[in-house]
Amino acid sequence: MTKRTRRRAAFKRLRRRAVEVDFQGGTLTTDSGLLLLREADRKLGLIDRINAAIPDPRDLRYVAHPQREMLVSRIFGIATGYEDGNDHAQLRYDPAMQVAAQREPDAAIRLASPSTLSRLENRVDSKTMFALHEILVDTFLDSYDEPPEEIILDLDATDDPTHGNQEKRYFNGFYNGYCFLPLYVFCGNQILVSYLRPSSVGAAKHARPISKLLVEKIRSRWPNVRIILRGDSGFCNGKLMRWCDKNRVGYIFGFQQNPALKRHLVHEMVAAHAAFQSAREKQRRFTWFSYKARRWDRHRWVIGKAEHTAKGSNPRFVVTNLPEAVAQASSGNSPAANPERFYETLYCPRGEMENRIKEQQLCLFADRTSCTDFMANQFRLMLASFAYVLLDAVRRIGLAGTEASHWRVDTIRLRLLKIAARVRVTARRVVFHLASSCPYERLFNHVAERLCDTS
């Protein structure tokens, strides 16, 4: 019988030589940087904690793929850019992924299939989800050698578009579409909460009980730390602020403007407008004032920002309980005693959290919540968060002190994880021969040394 040869693409010749392509290179990987994630996980103990938190109802006598192996496949896969479970139909043969999952590289020994991973996603319940969030907070607490004097917890909500008739899908007028409304909490670059909610609720829904649990957890380890909550006007909730006042928790929240607030800012707005007419460039004026909304239990400090640009006036307001002890200080050395410095140094940095959410959704596919079951989608959101924790550990530990210390997670993936290698297995070792022309060889070695250091 005649053997048919598959026709190959005819690439442009290189002078006299033909240029051909095949997929017969042997035991190769495009993701040798998974070894860095493996070391980051070893430092954090992350996968082992997750595995211990998720009950496994299967009869272990008949289990081909341990739960820990499946978690490595899914979380490491997301970190290296494979957003969907179906990607593992081929990724299960990848030698770097097999090593990350504590298996010897062997094309005949496959990792878990997409259907097996899907069954894992669909058997996680709400009690387990609470335990997984505790792991996020514990990982954050363990990252400090000594308790800090102060931490700022940034809260924010974003839209997560739904696909089809999914459980708890609702139309949200603000985002003009059917979506979920996840709530995120970050401290600097580190994630503490990624809580999926239906979009029929407001931005502050469950923010108070979540904050209460976070504060209790943090103070159980750091009893003397000063905790500050920070968020936009969606979190300016009377119940949340009242709880903060009673529990020694600071807050800095944006405050939606209204006519009563504008009356407190009228002199500053007139001054800003007059200065703009003279200089023809943006002008800003700031002031402190005490204000009590109808549903509030007390007067609270508010910063008013009177801004005037070519587009007109743009007043903004921020409510806080921080300056109660320092706003009247005569020295004026504290940033809290100066409304402009307070606004710029303590409130405006909350915008950096939006970049962390972009990393979650644009780089780690946290919005790939296409399961029918709501709790399965919450678990997918958690998988993306754990992938972020690993990549942030590479950034926080491996890249600290370098010019790359502020790289986004997709940049880390592109430059340190997506590196081709030939994998050679002998009786005593598994050797990854990375690409000789890798432009980030020195940085890769530097990160590897940092992550492999056990001191």
Protein backbone atom coordinates (compact mmCIF):
# COMPACT_ATOMS: atom_id res chain seq x y z
CA MET A 1 0.00 0.00 0.00
CA THR A 2 1.31 3.43 -0.87
CA LYS A 3 2.09 5.56 2.21
CA ARG A 4 0.77 9.08 1.84
CA THR A 5 2.93 11.93 3.08
CA ARG A 6 1.18 14.93 4.51
CA ARG A 7 1.77 18.00 2.42
CA ARG A 8 3.75 20.69 4.23
CA ALA A 9 3.56 24.43 3.82
CA ALA A 10 5.99 25.78 1.26
CA PHE A 11 8.00 28.41 3.13
CA LYS A 12 10.15 30.87 1.27
CA ARG A 13 13.59 29.43 0.50
CA LEU A 14 16.71 30.72 2.23
CA ARG A 15 18.92 31.28 -0.77
CA ARG A 16 19.59 27.75 -2.09
CA ARG A 17 18.18 25.95 0.91
CA ALA A 18 14.57 24.90 1.46
CA VAL A 19 12.92 25.95 4.73
CA GLU A 20 10.76 23.17 6.22
CA VAL A 21 8.77 22.64 9.41
CA ASP A 22 7.68 19.50 11.24
CA PHE A 23 6.62 18.54 14.76
CA GLN A 24 9.08 15.71 15.26
CA GLY A 25 11.65 17.46 17.42
CA GLY A 26 11.30 15.00 20.26
CA THR A 27 10.86 15.82 23.95
CA LEU A 28 10.57 19.59 23.83
CA THR A 29 8.64 22.22 25.76
CA THR A 30 7.78 25.85 25.15
CA ASP A 31 7.21 26.49 28.87
CA SER A 32 10.44 25.66 30.67
CA GLY A 33 9.76 28.60 33.00
CA LEU A 34 7.28 26.33 34.77
CA LEU A 35 10.33 25.31 36.80
CA LEU A 36 10.33 28.80 38.31
CA LEU A 37 6.67 28.47 39.26
CA ARG A 38 7.45 25.08 40.78
CA GLU A 39 10.09 26.70 43.01
CA ALA A 40 7.79 29.61 43.87
CA ASP A 41 5.15 27.10 44.96
CA ARG A 42 7.74 25.22 47.03
CA LYS A 43 8.55 28.44 48.89
CA LEU A 44 4.89 29.26 49.51
CA GLY A 45 3.55 25.74 49.99
CA LEU A 46 0.54 26.97 48.02
CA ILE A 47 -0.58 23.87 46.12
CA ASP A 48 -0.27 21.67 49.21
CA ARG A 49 -2.47 24.09 51.17
CA ILE A 50 -5.08 24.18 48.43
CA ASN A 51 -5.03 20.41 48.13
CA ALA A 52 -5.55 20.02 51.88
CA ALA A 53 -8.51 22.44 51.80
CA ILE A 54 -10.44 20.63 49.04
CA PRO A 55 -12.08 17.33 50.08
CA ASP A 56 -11.51 14.50 47.62
CA PRO A 57 -14.49 12.09 47.67
CA ARG A 58 -12.93 9.63 45.22
CA ASP A 59 -11.83 6.13 46.15
CA LEU A 60 -8.05 6.53 46.12
CA ARG A 61 -7.60 2.88 45.15
CA TYR A 62 -8.90 3.71 41.69
CA VAL A 63 -7.50 7.23 41.27
CA ALA A 64 -5.15 7.71 38.32
CA HIS A 65 -4.65 11.44 38.81
CA PRO A 66 -4.15 12.73 42.38
CA GLN A 67 -5.96 15.94 43.21
CA ARG A 68 -2.70 17.79 43.79
CA GLU A 69 -1.58 16.94 40.27
CA MET A 70 -4.82 18.30 38.83
CA LEU A 71 -4.46 21.54 40.77
CA VAL A 72 -0.92 21.98 39.44
CA SER A 73 -2.14 21.38 35.89
CA ARG A 74 -4.94 23.92 36.13
CA ILE A 75 -3.20 26.67 38.12
CA PHE A 76 0.16 26.42 36.37
CA GLY A 77 -1.65 26.21 33.03
CA ILE A 78 -3.45 29.52 33.70
CA ALA A 79 -0.17 31.12 34.79
CA THR A 80 1.49 30.12 31.50
CA GLY A 81 -1.36 31.42 29.35
CA TYR A 82 -3.67 28.43 28.86
CA GLU A 83 -7.05 29.82 29.86
CA ASP A 84 -9.32 26.90 29.10
CA GLY A 85 -9.57 23.38 30.44
CA ASN A 86 -9.65 22.07 26.88
CA ASP A 87 -6.04 23.21 26.45
CA HIS A 88 -5.02 20.30 28.66
CA ALA A 89 -5.94 17.81 25.96
CA GLN A 90 -2.43 18.54 24.64
CA LEU A 91 -0.83 20.20 27.64
CA ARG A 92 -1.10 16.93 29.57
CA TYR A 93 1.78 15.59 27.45
CA ASP A 94 4.07 18.60 28.03
CA PRO A 95 7.29 17.49 29.82
CA ALA A 96 7.63 20.74 31.81
CA MET A 97 4.07 20.44 33.08
CA GLN A 98 4.70 16.80 34.00
CA VAL A 99 7.78 17.77 36.03
CA ALA A 100 5.81 20.57 37.73
CA ALA A 101 3.20 17.96 38.69
CA GLN A 102 5.90 15.69 40.18
CA ARG A 103 5.86 13.23 37.29
CA GLU A 104 8.77 12.06 35.18
CA PRO A 105 8.57 13.36 31.60
CA ASP A 106 7.05 10.54 29.59
CA ALA A 107 4.72 10.83 26.60
CA ALA A 108 3.06 7.57 27.63
CA ILE A 109 2.14 8.89 31.10
CA ARG A 110 -0.46 11.58 30.68
CA LEU A 111 -1.71 14.14 33.16
CA ALA A 112 -5.42 14.68 33.83
CA SER A 113 -7.72 15.19 30.85
CA PRO A 114 -10.06 18.18 30.41
CA SER A 115 -13.07 16.14 31.55
CA THR A 116 -11.29 15.08 34.75
CA LEU A 117 -10.35 18.70 35.47
CA SER A 118 -13.93 19.76 34.82
CA ARG A 119 -15.22 17.31 37.42
CA LEU A 120 -12.83 18.87 39.94
CA GLU A 121 -14.16 22.36 39.18
CA ASN A 122 -17.76 21.27 39.67
CA ARG A 123 -17.43 19.56 43.06
CA VAL A 124 -16.17 22.49 45.16
CA ASP A 125 -18.72 23.91 47.61
CA SER A 126 -19.06 27.19 49.54
CA LYS A 127 -17.43 25.83 52.69
CA THR A 128 -14.34 24.87 50.69
CA MET A 129 -14.36 28.28 49.01
CA PHE A 130 -14.13 29.94 52.42
CA ALA A 131 -11.10 27.78 53.25
CA LEU A 132 -9.47 28.73 49.94
CA HIS A 133 -9.87 32.41 50.75
CA GLU A 134 -8.20 31.77 54.10
CA ILE A 135 -5.22 30.39 52.16
CA LEU A 136 -4.97 33.68 50.23
CA VAL A 137 -4.89 35.64 53.49
CA ASP A 138 -2.43 33.23 55.15
CA THR A 139 -0.10 33.48 52.15
CA PHE A 140 -0.22 37.26 52.46
CA LEU A 141 0.53 37.15 56.18
CA ASP A 142 3.38 34.67 55.71
CA SER A 143 5.05 36.99 53.19
CA TYR A 144 6.13 39.34 56.02
CA ASP A 145 9.08 38.51 58.25
CA GLU A 146 7.81 40.99 60.85
CA PRO A 147 4.36 42.57 61.28
CA PRO A 148 4.05 45.94 59.52
CA GLU A 149 2.91 49.00 61.43
CA GLU A 150 0.16 49.78 58.89
CA ILE A 151 -1.55 48.13 55.94
CA ILE A 152 -4.06 49.53 53.46
CA LEU A 153 -6.65 47.14 52.05
CA ASP A 154 -8.02 48.26 48.68
CA LEU A 155 -11.56 47.19 47.80
CA ASP A 156 -13.00 47.34 44.31
CA ALA A 157 -15.65 45.69 42.16
CA THR A 158 -15.61 45.05 38.42
CA ASP A 159 -17.77 43.44 35.77
CA ASP A 160 -17.36 39.86 34.60
CA PRO A 161 -19.50 39.31 31.46
CA THR A 162 -21.57 36.11 31.44
CA HIS A 163 -22.11 33.77 28.52
CA GLY A 164 -25.47 32.08 28.05
CA ASN A 165 -28.05 31.17 30.67
CA GLN A 166 -25.73 30.85 33.66
CA GLU A 167 -26.77 30.58 37.27
CA LYS A 168 -27.17 34.00 38.98
CA ARG A 169 -26.69 35.99 35.79
CA TYR A 170 -28.37 39.40 35.85
CA PHE A 171 -28.45 42.49 33.69
CA ASN A 172 -26.45 45.38 35.16
CA GLY A 173 -27.43 48.83 33.95
CA PHE A 174 -24.11 50.45 34.84
CA TYR A 175 -22.13 47.97 32.72
CA ASN A 176 -24.98 47.67 30.18
CA GLY A 177 -24.87 43.89 29.98
CA TYR A 178 -25.35 40.55 31.70
CA CYS A 179 -22.47 39.94 34.07
CA PHE A 180 -21.21 38.93 37.48
CA LEU A 181 -19.82 41.53 39.90
CA PRO A 182 -16.73 40.11 41.65
CA LEU A 183 -15.33 41.89 44.69
CA TYR A 184 -11.54 42.10 44.98
CA VAL A 185 -9.41 43.05 47.96
CA PHE A 186 -5.70 43.75 47.50
CA CYS A 187 -2.95 44.94 49.81
CA GLY A 188 -0.37 46.48 47.53
CA ASN A 189 0.26 43.83 44.87
CA GLN A 190 -0.99 40.93 46.95
CA ILE A 191 -4.50 39.55 46.60
CA LEU A 192 -6.57 38.67 49.67
CA VAL A 193 -10.10 38.27 48.30
CA SER A 194 -11.64 37.40 44.92
CA TYR A 195 -15.31 36.92 45.70
CA LEU A 196 -17.79 36.30 42.89
CA ARG A 197 -21.21 37.93 43.25
CA PRO A 198 -24.27 38.31 41.01
CA SER A 199 -24.51 41.75 39.40
CA SER A 200 -27.93 42.37 40.97
CA VAL A 201 -26.17 43.68 44.10
CA GLY A 202 -24.34 46.94 44.75
CA ALA A 203 -20.58 47.37 44.87
CA ALA A 204 -20.56 47.33 48.70
CA LYS A 205 -22.64 44.15 49.05
CA HIS A 206 -20.95 41.84 51.62
CA ALA A 207 -18.04 44.31 51.94
CA ARG A 208 -18.73 44.70 55.68
CA PRO A 209 -18.76 40.97 56.64
CA ILE A 210 -15.75 40.33 54.40
CA SER A 211 -13.89 43.24 56.01
CA LYS A 212 -14.82 41.94 59.45
CA LEU A 213 -13.45 38.47 58.66
CA LEU A 214 -10.28 39.96 57.16
CA VAL A 215 -9.63 42.21 60.13
CA GLU A 216 -10.17 39.36 62.60
CA LYS A 217 -7.84 37.09 60.64
CA ILE A 218 -5.11 39.71 60.29
CA ARG A 219 -5.29 40.84 63.92
CA SER A 220 -5.08 37.26 65.14
CA ARG A 221 -1.52 37.30 63.77
CA TRP A 222 -0.74 41.02 63.97
CA PRO A 223 -2.71 42.41 66.95
CA ASN A 224 -1.11 45.87 66.81
CA VAL A 225 -1.23 46.57 63.07
CA ARG A 226 -3.15 49.61 61.90
CA ILE A 227 -5.66 48.62 59.21
CA ILE A 228 -7.13 51.06 56.67
CA LEU A 229 -9.84 50.27 54.13
CA ARG A 230 -9.77 52.22 50.88
CA GLY A 231 -12.27 52.28 48.02
CA ASP A 232 -14.29 54.41 45.64
CA SER A 233 -17.73 55.92 46.31
CA GLY A 234 -19.41 52.53 45.86
CA PHE A 235 -18.06 51.55 49.30
CA CYS A 236 -19.10 54.74 51.08
CA ASN A 237 -21.68 52.83 53.08
CA GLY A 238 -22.94 54.05 56.46
CA LYS A 239 -22.99 50.57 58.01
CA LEU A 240 -19.46 49.79 56.87
CA MET A 241 -18.10 53.11 58.15
CA ARG A 242 -19.93 52.72 61.46
CA TRP A 243 -18.39 49.27 61.90
CA CYS A 244 -14.92 50.68 61.12
CA ASP A 245 -15.38 53.46 63.70
CA LYS A 246 -16.31 50.93 66.38
CA ASN A 247 -13.46 48.53 65.60
CA ARG A 248 -10.46 50.85 65.22
CA VAL A 249 -10.32 50.42 61.46
CA GLY A 250 -9.49 53.42 59.31
CA TYR A 251 -11.19 54.13 56.00
CA ILE A 252 -10.73 56.35 52.97
CA PHE A 253 -13.71 56.23 50.61
CA GLY A 254 -14.75 58.32 47.67
CA PHE A 255 -18.01 60.16 48.28
CA GLN A 256 -20.57 60.78 45.54
CA GLN A 257 -21.28 64.50 45.15
CA ASN A 258 -24.60 66.09 46.06
CA PRO A 259 -25.85 69.69 46.44
CA ALA A 260 -25.14 69.80 50.18
CA LEU A 261 -21.51 68.80 49.62
CA LYS A 262 -21.09 71.32 46.83
CA ARG A 263 -22.22 74.12 49.14
CA HIS A 264 -19.23 73.36 51.40
CA LEU A 265 -16.94 73.76 48.39
CA VAL A 266 -18.39 76.89 46.82
CA HIS A 267 -15.51 79.24 47.79
CA GLU A 268 -12.87 76.84 46.50
CA MET A 269 -14.78 76.34 43.23
CA VAL A 270 -14.99 80.11 42.68
CA ALA A 271 -11.25 80.45 43.39
CA ALA A 272 -10.38 77.57 41.03
CA HIS A 273 -12.55 79.05 38.26
CA ALA A 274 -10.99 82.50 38.63
CA ALA A 275 -7.47 81.02 38.58
CA PHE A 276 -8.30 79.03 35.44
CA GLN A 277 -9.59 82.13 33.67
CA SER A 278 -6.27 83.78 34.39
CA ALA A 279 -3.83 80.92 33.71
CA ARG A 280 -5.90 78.91 31.19
CA GLU A 281 -4.73 75.64 32.70
CA LYS A 282 -6.17 73.16 35.18
CA GLN A 283 -6.61 74.52 38.68
CA ARG A 284 -7.29 72.66 41.94
CA ARG A 285 -8.20 73.78 45.44
CA PHE A 286 -8.65 71.55 48.50
CA THR A 287 -10.34 71.91 51.85
CA TRP A 288 -11.40 69.92 54.92
CA PHE A 289 -14.91 70.15 56.33
CA SER A 290 -17.13 68.20 58.70
CA TYR A 291 -20.27 66.66 57.25
CA LYS A 292 -23.14 64.41 58.37
CA ALA A 293 -25.40 62.66 55.89
CA ARG A 294 -28.98 61.99 56.90
CA ARG A 295 -28.40 58.27 57.52
CA TRP A 296 -25.03 58.64 59.23
CA ASP A 297 -24.70 58.25 62.99
CA ARG A 298 -22.12 61.06 63.34
CA HIS A 299 -20.25 63.85 61.60
CA ARG A 300 -17.30 62.71 59.52
CA TRP A 301 -14.33 64.41 57.92
CA VAL A 302 -14.59 65.08 54.20
CA ILE A 303 -11.98 66.35 51.76
CA GLY A 304 -13.37 68.54 49.01
CA LYS A 305 -11.40 68.92 45.77
CA ALA A 306 -12.45 71.87 43.63
CA GLU A 307 -11.05 71.33 40.15
CA HIS A 308 -11.64 73.46 37.07
CA THR A 309 -10.43 72.54 33.57
CA ALA A 310 -11.26 73.49 30.01
CA LYS A 311 -14.17 71.06 30.27
CA GLY A 312 -15.62 72.87 33.27
CA SER A 313 -15.80 72.22 37.00
CA ASN A 314 -15.06 68.77 38.44
CA PRO A 315 -15.66 68.63 42.20
CA ARG A 316 -14.64 65.45 44.05
CA PHE A 317 -15.10 64.35 47.65
CA VAL A 318 -13.44 61.82 49.96
CA VAL A 319 -14.70 60.79 53.40
CA THR A 320 -12.37 59.43 56.06
CA ASN A 321 -12.00 58.86 59.78
CA LEU A 322 -8.18 59.08 59.74
CA PRO A 323 -7.65 62.79 60.47
CA GLU A 324 -9.78 62.84 63.62
CA ALA A 325 -6.61 62.82 65.72
CA VAL A 326 -4.25 64.70 63.41
CA ALA A 327 -6.20 67.14 61.24
CA GLN A 328 -6.05 69.77 63.95
CA ALA A 329 -2.31 69.30 64.48
CA SER A 330 -0.60 72.67 64.49
CA SER A 331 2.65 71.39 63.00
CA GLY A 332 1.08 70.43 59.68
CA ASN A 333 3.86 67.91 59.06
CA SER A 334 1.49 64.96 58.70
CA PRO A 335 0.05 64.31 55.23
CA ALA A 336 -3.32 63.87 56.90
CA ALA A 337 -3.26 67.49 58.13
CA ASN A 338 -2.94 68.79 54.56
CA PRO A 339 -6.01 67.95 52.42
CA GLU A 340 -4.14 68.06 49.10
CA ARG A 341 -1.32 65.85 50.34
CA PHE A 342 -3.83 63.50 51.94
CA TYR A 343 -5.78 63.23 48.68
CA GLU A 344 -2.71 62.61 46.54
CA THR A 345 -0.70 60.35 48.84
CA LEU A 346 -3.42 58.36 50.59
CA TYR A 347 -6.46 58.29 48.29
CA CYS A 348 -5.20 58.52 44.71
CA PRO A 349 -2.91 55.44 44.96
CA ARG A 350 -6.05 53.30 45.13
CA GLY A 351 -6.11 53.59 41.34
CA GLU A 352 -3.16 51.21 41.20
CA MET A 353 -5.52 48.41 42.26
CA GLU A 354 -7.23 48.68 38.89
CA ASN A 355 -3.98 47.51 37.30
CA ARG A 356 -4.04 44.45 39.55
CA ILE A 357 -7.61 43.69 38.43
CA LYS A 358 -6.50 44.05 34.81
CA GLU A 359 -3.77 41.51 35.51
CA GLN A 360 -6.40 39.18 36.88
CA GLN A 361 -8.86 39.51 34.03
CA LEU A 362 -6.75 40.36 30.99
CA CYS A 363 -3.66 38.30 31.79
CA LEU A 364 -4.94 35.42 33.93
CA PHE A 365 -8.44 34.98 32.49
CA ALA A 366 -10.30 35.52 35.76
CA ASP A 367 -13.35 36.41 33.66
CA ARG A 368 -13.35 32.97 32.01
CA THR A 369 -16.35 32.11 34.14
CA SER A 370 -18.35 30.19 31.54
CA CYS A 371 -19.56 27.29 33.72
CA THR A 372 -23.29 26.82 34.22
CA ASP A 373 -22.93 26.39 37.99
CA PHE A 374 -22.21 29.57 39.97
CA MET A 375 -19.92 27.90 42.51
CA ALA A 376 -17.84 26.35 39.70
CA ASN A 377 -17.34 29.86 38.33
CA GLN A 378 -16.27 31.05 41.79
CA PHE A 379 -13.70 28.25 41.81
CA ARG A 380 -12.41 29.31 38.40
CA LEU A 381 -11.99 32.81 39.76
CA MET A 382 -9.99 31.36 42.66
CA LEU A 383 -7.79 29.34 40.29
CA ALA A 384 -6.87 32.55 38.47
CA SER A 385 -6.15 34.19 41.83
CA PHE A 386 -3.81 31.38 42.87
CA ALA A 387 -2.03 31.65 39.51
CA TYR A 388 -1.59 35.35 40.30
CA VAL A 389 -0.17 34.51 43.74
CA LEU A 390 2.52 32.34 42.14
CA LEU A 391 3.46 34.92 39.51
CA ASP A 392 3.46 37.67 42.12
CA ALA A 393 5.83 35.53 44.21
CA VAL A 394 8.18 35.38 41.22
CA ARG A 395 7.93 39.17 41.00
CA ARG A 396 8.11 39.85 44.76
CA ILE A 397 10.91 37.38 45.59
CA GLY A 398 12.75 36.63 42.36
CA LEU A 399 12.65 40.06 40.71
CA ALA A 400 13.01 42.22 43.83
CA GLY A 401 15.68 44.85 43.46
CA THR A 402 15.91 44.49 39.66
CA GLU A 403 14.64 46.70 36.87
CA ALA A 404 11.99 44.05 36.25
CA SER A 405 10.50 44.30 39.74
CA HIS A 406 7.39 46.07 38.39
CA TRP A 407 6.72 43.82 35.40
CA ARG A 408 3.13 42.83 34.80
CA VAL A 409 2.36 39.14 35.11
CA ASP A 410 1.96 38.74 31.34
CA THR A 411 5.42 40.26 30.86
CA ILE A 412 6.85 37.80 33.39
CA ARG A 413 5.14 35.00 31.49
CA LEU A 414 6.44 36.12 28.10
CA ARG A 415 10.04 36.70 29.17
CA LEU A 416 10.66 34.12 31.87
CA LEU A 417 8.13 31.31 31.40
CA LYS A 418 7.67 30.97 27.65
CA ILE A 419 11.21 29.74 26.95
CA ALA A 420 11.80 26.75 24.68
CA ALA A 421 13.84 23.82 25.96
CA ARG A 422 14.82 20.29 25.03
CA VAL A 423 14.20 17.86 27.89
CA ARG A 424 16.62 15.00 28.38
CA VAL A 425 15.88 12.26 30.91
CA THR A 426 18.64 10.03 32.27
CA ALA A 427 18.81 7.56 35.13
CA ARG A 428 19.85 10.25 37.61
CA ARG A 429 18.57 13.56 36.31
CA VAL A 430 16.09 15.46 34.20
CA VAL A 431 17.91 18.16 32.22
CA PHE A 432 16.22 21.13 30.57
CA HIS A 433 18.39 22.48 27.75
CA LEU A 434 16.99 25.98 27.33
CA ALA A 435 17.26 28.00 24.15
CA SER A 436 20.86 29.17 23.65
CA SER A 437 19.67 32.49 22.24
CA CYS A 438 17.38 33.31 25.20
CA PRO A 439 17.67 37.10 25.72
CA TYR A 440 16.82 36.82 29.42
CA GLU A 441 19.27 34.10 30.42
CA ARG A 442 20.95 36.18 33.10
CA LEU A 443 17.66 37.30 34.63
CA PHE A 444 16.28 33.74 34.53
CA ASN A 445 19.32 32.47 36.44
CA HIS A 446 19.00 35.33 38.94
CA VAL A 447 15.33 34.52 39.62
CA ALA A 448 16.06 30.79 39.86
CA GLU A 449 18.77 31.40 42.46
CA ARG A 450 16.42 33.57 44.52
CA LEU A 451 13.58 31.05 44.42
CA CYS A 452 15.78 28.03 45.06
CA ASP A 453 17.47 29.67 48.06
CA THR A 454 16.25 27.85 51.15
CA SER A 455 17.86 30.18 53.70
